[in-house]
């Protein structure tokens, strides 16, 4: 598995955002890919991800990230 950190993305507590990752550089999409939203060591995906991971060619689009709390650092893992 390849790990790539893309840096900080800012999202407001009232925003709902999906994020796209182009996997071409790493040889394309892994059909077993999953997505998780983490806060510290806790998986908060059930609370803060809405919808399903989708794929178009080599581009993975995450579910909507929703309901985040202000001032909290989350990390989005696709693997």
C-alpha atoms as a PDB file:
ATOM      1  CA  UNK A   1       0.000   0.000   0.000  1.00  0.00           C
ATOM      2  CA  UNK A   2       1.233   3.474  -0.833  1.00  0.00           C
ATOM      3  CA  UNK A   3       0.881   6.217   1.747  1.00  0.00           C
ATOM      4  CA  UNK A   4       0.680   9.840   0.716  1.00  0.00           C
ATOM      5  CA  UNK A   5      -0.085  12.778   2.950  1.00  0.00           C
ATOM      6  CA  UNK A   6      -1.579  15.656   0.990  1.00  0.00           C
ATOM      7  CA  UNK A   7      -1.386  18.234   3.743  1.00  0.00           C
ATOM      8  CA  UNK A   8      -3.981  20.197   5.629  1.00  0.00           C
ATOM      9  CA  UNK A   9      -7.393  20.832   4.088  1.00  0.00           C
ATOM     10  CA  UNK A  10      -9.633  23.297   5.899  1.00  0.00           C
ATOM     11  CA  UNK A  11     -13.342  22.523   6.145  1.00  0.00           C
ATOM     12  CA  UNK A  12     -15.914  24.534   8.094  1.00  0.00           C
ATOM     13  CA  UNK A  13     -18.245  22.889  10.574  1.00  0.00           C
ATOM     14  CA  UNK A  14     -21.256  23.662   8.354  1.00  0.00           C
ATOM     15  CA  UNK A  15     -19.627  22.482   5.108  1.00  0.00           C
ATOM     16  CA  UNK A  16     -20.179  19.136   3.394  1.00  0.00           C
ATOM     17  CA  UNK A  17     -17.241  18.223   1.144  1.00  0.00           C
ATOM     18  CA  UNK A  18     -16.217  15.197  -0.910  1.00  0.00           C
ATOM     19  CA  UNK A  19     -12.516  14.828  -1.695  1.00  0.00           C
ATOM     20  CA  UNK A  20     -10.978  13.420  -4.895  1.00  0.00           C
ATOM     21  CA  UNK A  21      -7.733  11.488  -5.205  1.00  0.00           C
ATOM     22  CA  UNK A  22      -6.177  10.720  -8.602  1.00  0.00           C
ATOM     23  CA  UNK A  23      -4.415   7.353  -8.236  1.00  0.00           C
ATOM     24  CA  UNK A  24      -2.771   7.315 -11.688  1.00  0.00           C
ATOM     25  CA  UNK A  25       0.679   7.997 -10.196  1.00  0.00           C
ATOM     26  CA  UNK A  26       0.417   4.819  -8.103  1.00  0.00           C
ATOM     27  CA  UNK A  27      -0.802   2.539 -10.875  1.00  0.00           C
ATOM     28  CA  UNK A  28      -4.533   3.178 -10.629  1.00  0.00           C
ATOM     29  CA  UNK A  29      -7.398   2.320  -8.341  1.00  0.00           C
ATOM     30  CA  UNK A  30      -7.305  -0.597  -5.912  1.00  0.00           C
ATOM     31  CA  UNK A  31     -10.744  -2.215  -6.072  1.00  0.00           C
ATOM     32  CA  UNK A  32     -10.537  -3.039  -2.356  1.00  0.00           C
ATOM     33  CA  UNK A  33     -10.085   0.595  -1.308  1.00  0.00           C
ATOM     34  CA  UNK A  34     -11.888   1.808   1.787  1.00  0.00           C
ATOM     35  CA  UNK A  35     -12.266   5.225   3.366  1.00  0.00           C
ATOM     36  CA  UNK A  36     -12.164   6.121   7.076  1.00  0.00           C
ATOM     37  CA  UNK A  37     -12.302   9.414   8.935  1.00  0.00           C
ATOM     38  CA  UNK A  38     -10.198   9.404  12.081  1.00  0.00           C
ATOM     39  CA  UNK A  39     -10.099  11.668  15.126  1.00  0.00           C
ATOM     40  CA  UNK A  40      -7.042  10.777  17.156  1.00  0.00           C
ATOM     41  CA  UNK A  41      -7.183   6.981  17.283  1.00  0.00           C
ATOM     42  CA  UNK A  42     -10.968   6.810  16.917  1.00  0.00           C
ATOM     43  CA  UNK A  43     -12.797   5.945  13.697  1.00  0.00           C
ATOM     44  CA  UNK A  44     -15.585   8.545  13.392  1.00  0.00           C
ATOM     45  CA  UNK A  45     -16.680   7.503   9.889  1.00  0.00           C
ATOM     46  CA  UNK A  46     -20.210   6.488  10.903  1.00  0.00           C
ATOM     47  CA  UNK A  47     -20.864   9.951  12.298  1.00  0.00           C
ATOM     48  CA  UNK A  48     -19.042  12.114   9.755  1.00  0.00           C
ATOM     49  CA  UNK A  49     -19.107  10.321   6.377  1.00  0.00           C
ATOM     50  CA  UNK A  50     -22.293  10.393   4.325  1.00  0.00           C
ATOM     51  CA  UNK A  51     -22.662   8.252   1.208  1.00  0.00           C
ATOM     52  CA  UNK A  52     -20.299   5.872  -0.533  1.00  0.00           C
ATOM     53  CA  UNK A  53     -16.812   5.927  -1.992  1.00  0.00           C
ATOM     54  CA  UNK A  54     -17.029   6.188  -5.791  1.00  0.00           C
ATOM     55  CA  UNK A  55     -14.596   5.638  -8.636  1.00  0.00           C
ATOM     56  CA  UNK A  56     -14.303   7.091 -12.133  1.00  0.00           C
ATOM     57  CA  UNK A  57     -11.258   5.755 -13.964  1.00  0.00           C
ATOM     58  CA  UNK A  58      -8.316   6.288 -11.610  1.00  0.00           C
ATOM     59  CA  UNK A  59     -10.071   8.959  -9.528  1.00  0.00           C
ATOM     60  CA  UNK A  60     -11.476   8.004  -6.131  1.00  0.00           C
ATOM     61  CA  UNK A  61     -14.115  10.326  -4.650  1.00  0.00           C
ATOM     62  CA  UNK A  62     -14.820  10.066  -0.938  1.00  0.00           C
ATOM     63  CA  UNK A  63     -18.248  10.172   0.641  1.00  0.00           C
ATOM     64  CA  UNK A  64     -19.270  13.622   1.867  1.00  0.00           C
ATOM     65  CA  UNK A  65     -17.410  14.646   5.016  1.00  0.00           C
ATOM     66  CA  UNK A  66     -20.063  16.272   7.246  1.00  0.00           C
ATOM     67  CA  UNK A  67     -20.722  17.598  10.733  1.00  0.00           C
ATOM     68  CA  UNK A  68     -17.156  18.348  11.777  1.00  0.00           C
ATOM     69  CA  UNK A  69     -16.453  20.221  15.014  1.00  0.00           C
ATOM     70  CA  UNK A  70     -14.569  23.520  14.948  1.00  0.00           C
ATOM     71  CA  UNK A  71     -10.963  23.390  16.114  1.00  0.00           C
ATOM     72  CA  UNK A  72     -10.658  19.603  15.806  1.00  0.00           C
ATOM     73  CA  UNK A  73      -8.065  17.962  13.540  1.00  0.00           C
ATOM     74  CA  UNK A  74      -9.393  14.933  11.642  1.00  0.00           C
ATOM     75  CA  UNK A  75      -7.571  12.702   9.170  1.00  0.00           C
ATOM     76  CA  UNK A  76      -9.114  11.039   6.128  1.00  0.00           C
ATOM     77  CA  UNK A  77      -7.642   7.649   5.220  1.00  0.00           C
ATOM     78  CA  UNK A  78      -8.163   5.951   1.860  1.00  0.00           C
ATOM     79  CA  UNK A  79      -6.588   2.538   1.720  1.00  0.00           C
END
